[in-house]
C-alpha atoms as a PDB file:
ATOM      1  CA  MET A   1      10.832  -8.564  -1.560  1.00  0.00           C
ATOM      2  CA  ALA A   2       8.179  -6.485   0.177  1.00  0.00           C
ATOM      3  CA  HIS A   3       6.562  -7.630   3.409  1.00  0.00           C
ATOM      4  CA  TRP A   4       3.020  -6.531   4.179  1.00  0.00           C
ATOM      5  CA  ARG A   5       1.103  -6.284   7.415  1.00  0.00           C
ATOM      6  CA  THR A   6      -2.426  -7.597   7.143  1.00  0.00           C
ATOM      7  CA  ALA A   7      -5.366  -8.431   9.326  1.00  0.00           C
ATOM      8  CA  ALA A   8      -5.729 -11.725   7.417  1.00  0.00           C
ATOM      9  CA  THR A   9      -5.464 -15.008   9.275  1.00  0.00           C
ATOM     10  CA  GLY A  10      -4.911 -18.587   8.186  1.00  0.00           C
ATOM     11  CA  LEU A  11      -2.061 -17.879   5.783  1.00  0.00           C
ATOM     12  CA  ALA A  12       0.610 -20.586   5.644  1.00  0.00           C
ATOM     13  CA  ASP A  13       4.312 -19.843   5.266  1.00  0.00           C
ATOM     14  CA  GLY A  14       5.794 -20.398   1.829  1.00  0.00           C
ATOM     15  CA  LYS A  15       6.120 -18.876  -1.610  1.00  0.00           C
ATOM     16  CA  GLY A  16       3.192 -17.293  -3.329  1.00  0.00           C
ATOM     17  CA  ILE A  17       1.896 -14.371  -5.329  1.00  0.00           C
ATOM     18  CA  ALA A  18      -0.270 -11.844  -3.526  1.00  0.00           C
ATOM     19  CA  PHE A  19      -2.797  -9.578  -5.177  1.00  0.00           C
ATOM     20  CA  ILE A  20      -3.904  -6.453  -3.326  1.00  0.00           C
ATOM     21  CA  ARG A  21      -6.369  -3.962  -4.755  1.00  0.00           C
ATOM     22  CA  PRO A  22      -5.158  -0.345  -4.527  1.00  0.00           C
ATOM     23  CA  HIS A  23      -8.277   0.792  -2.629  1.00  0.00           C
ATOM     24  CA  GLU A  24      -7.756  -1.937   0.027  1.00  0.00           C
ATOM     25  CA  ILE A  25      -4.495  -0.468   1.358  1.00  0.00           C
ATOM     26  CA  ASP A  26      -4.460   1.675   4.498  1.00  0.00           C
ATOM     27  CA  ILE A  27      -1.789   4.359   4.757  1.00  0.00           C
ATOM     28  CA  ASP A  28       0.016   5.186   8.019  1.00  0.00           C
ATOM     29  CA  PRO A  29       1.919   8.493   7.801  1.00  0.00           C
ATOM     30  CA  HIS A  30       4.279   7.350  10.585  1.00  0.00           C
ATOM     31  CA  GLY A  31       5.408   4.067   8.978  1.00  0.00           C
ATOM     32  CA  ARG A  32       8.411   3.213   6.849  1.00  0.00           C
ATOM     33  CA  ASP A  33       7.173   0.526   4.407  1.00  0.00           C
ATOM     34  CA  ALA A  34       7.140   2.676   1.266  1.00  0.00           C
ATOM     35  CA  THR A  35       8.008   6.103  -0.127  1.00  0.00           C
ATOM     36  CA  ILE A  36       5.437   8.212  -1.972  1.00  0.00           C
ATOM     37  CA  ARG A  37       6.820   8.920  -5.449  1.00  0.00           C
ATOM     38  CA  HIS A  38       3.928  11.155  -6.499  1.00  0.00           C
ATOM     39  CA  HIS A  39       0.178  11.518  -6.133  1.00  0.00           C
ATOM     40  CA  VAL A  40      -2.628  12.355  -8.542  1.00  0.00           C
ATOM     41  CA  VAL A  41      -6.003  13.792  -7.531  1.00  0.00           C
ATOM     42  CA  LEU A  42      -8.802  12.053  -9.433  1.00  0.00           C
ATOM     43  CA  GLY A  43     -12.077  13.673  -8.357  1.00  0.00           C
ATOM     44  CA  PRO A  44     -12.937  12.407  -4.847  1.00  0.00           C
ATOM     45  CA  THR A  45      -9.921  10.057  -4.727  1.00  0.00           C
ATOM     46  CA  VAL A  46      -6.138  10.366  -4.718  1.00  0.00           C
ATOM     47  CA  ARG A  47      -3.882   7.792  -6.368  1.00  0.00           C
ATOM     48  CA  LEU A  48      -0.517   7.320  -4.640  1.00  0.00           C
ATOM     49  CA  ASP A  49       2.434   5.922  -6.585  1.00  0.00           C
ATOM     50  CA  LEU A  50       4.617   4.137  -4.035  1.00  0.00           C
ATOM     51  CA  ARG A  51       8.156   2.689  -4.023  1.00  0.00           C
ATOM     52  CA  LEU A  52       8.790  -0.242  -1.700  1.00  0.00           C
ATOM     53  CA  ASP A  53      11.989  -2.131  -0.831  1.00  0.00           C
ATOM     54  CA  GLY A  54      14.033  -3.330  -3.790  1.00  0.00           C
ATOM     55  CA  ASP A  55      12.537  -0.708  -6.124  1.00  0.00           C
ATOM     56  CA  VAL A  56       9.167  -2.518  -6.136  1.00  0.00           C
ATOM     57  CA  HIS A  57       6.334  -0.227  -7.193  1.00  0.00           C
ATOM     58  CA  ALA A  58       2.798  -0.248  -5.808  1.00  0.00           C
ATOM     59  CA  GLU A  59      -0.276   1.909  -6.064  1.00  0.00           C
ATOM     60  CA  ALA A  60      -2.772   2.889  -3.388  1.00  0.00           C
ATOM     61  CA  VAL A  61      -6.032   4.795  -3.760  1.00  0.00           C
ATOM     62  CA  ILE A  62      -7.445   6.791  -0.846  1.00  0.00           C
ATOM     63  CA  ASP A  63     -10.217   9.343  -0.527  1.00  0.00           C
ATOM     64  CA  ARG A  64      -9.383  13.011  -0.880  1.00  0.00           C
ATOM     65  CA  ASP A  65     -10.326  13.848   2.721  1.00  0.00           C
ATOM     66  CA  SER A  66      -7.940  11.200   4.099  1.00  0.00           C
ATOM     67  CA  HIS A  67      -5.170  12.525   1.867  1.00  0.00           C
ATOM     68  CA  ALA A  68      -5.664  16.044   3.224  1.00  0.00           C
ATOM     69  CA  ARG A  69      -5.960  14.858   6.853  1.00  0.00           C
ATOM     70  CA  LEU A  70      -2.781  12.727   6.618  1.00  0.00           C
ATOM     71  CA  ARG A  71      -0.873  15.546   4.846  1.00  0.00           C
ATOM     72  CA  LEU A  72       0.838  13.135   2.465  1.00  0.00           C
ATOM     73  CA  GLU A  73       3.575  14.524   0.224  1.00  0.00           C
ATOM     74  CA  PRO A  74       5.954  13.085  -2.399  1.00  0.00           C
ATOM     75  CA  GLY A  75       9.150  11.801  -0.778  1.00  0.00           C
ATOM     76  CA  GLN A  76       7.369  10.962   2.478  1.00  0.00           C
ATOM     77  CA  GLN A  77       7.759   7.478   3.940  1.00  0.00           C
ATOM     78  CA  VAL A  78       4.517   5.753   4.937  1.00  0.00           C
ATOM     79  CA  GLY A  79       3.350   2.494   6.458  1.00  0.00           C
ATOM     80  CA  LEU A  80       1.069   0.159   4.519  1.00  0.00           C
ATOM     81  CA  THR A  81      -1.552  -2.265   5.772  1.00  0.00           C
ATOM     82  CA  ALA A  82      -3.574  -4.395   3.381  1.00  0.00           C
ATOM     83  CA  ARG A  83      -7.178  -4.894   4.425  1.00  0.00           C
ATOM     84  CA  ARG A  84      -7.573  -7.826   2.014  1.00  0.00           C
ATOM     85  CA  ILE A  85      -4.996  -9.972   0.225  1.00  0.00           C
ATOM     86  CA  VAL A  86      -5.663 -12.760  -2.247  1.00  0.00           C
ATOM     87  CA  VAL A  87      -2.749 -15.216  -2.222  1.00  0.00           C
ATOM     88  CA  PHE A  88      -1.990 -17.902  -4.785  1.00  0.00           C
ATOM     89  CA  ALA A  89       0.522 -20.517  -3.642  1.00  0.00           C
ATOM     90  CA  GLN A  90       3.545 -21.294  -5.814  1.00  0.00           C
ATOM     91  CA  ASP A  91       5.414 -24.562  -5.972  1.00  0.00           C
END
């Protein structure tokens, strides 16, 4: 199960399903939350295919300038921070 850092407050402990939009994920090139499997340049954006703990897959979308500045490459480990998470509680 993946654990995410977020700036969100007011979240209770317990089971739930979290939805995070790919463009609302910040990438830290010095973290260790996920491994970049590959990236695809799509005009002004870059889509990152990520592998998290337990072979969980995620996708992040960043702008092309950030991708170049961070020097992200396949196989690199990165940190992830969600700027916005929508959580639905489970019983």
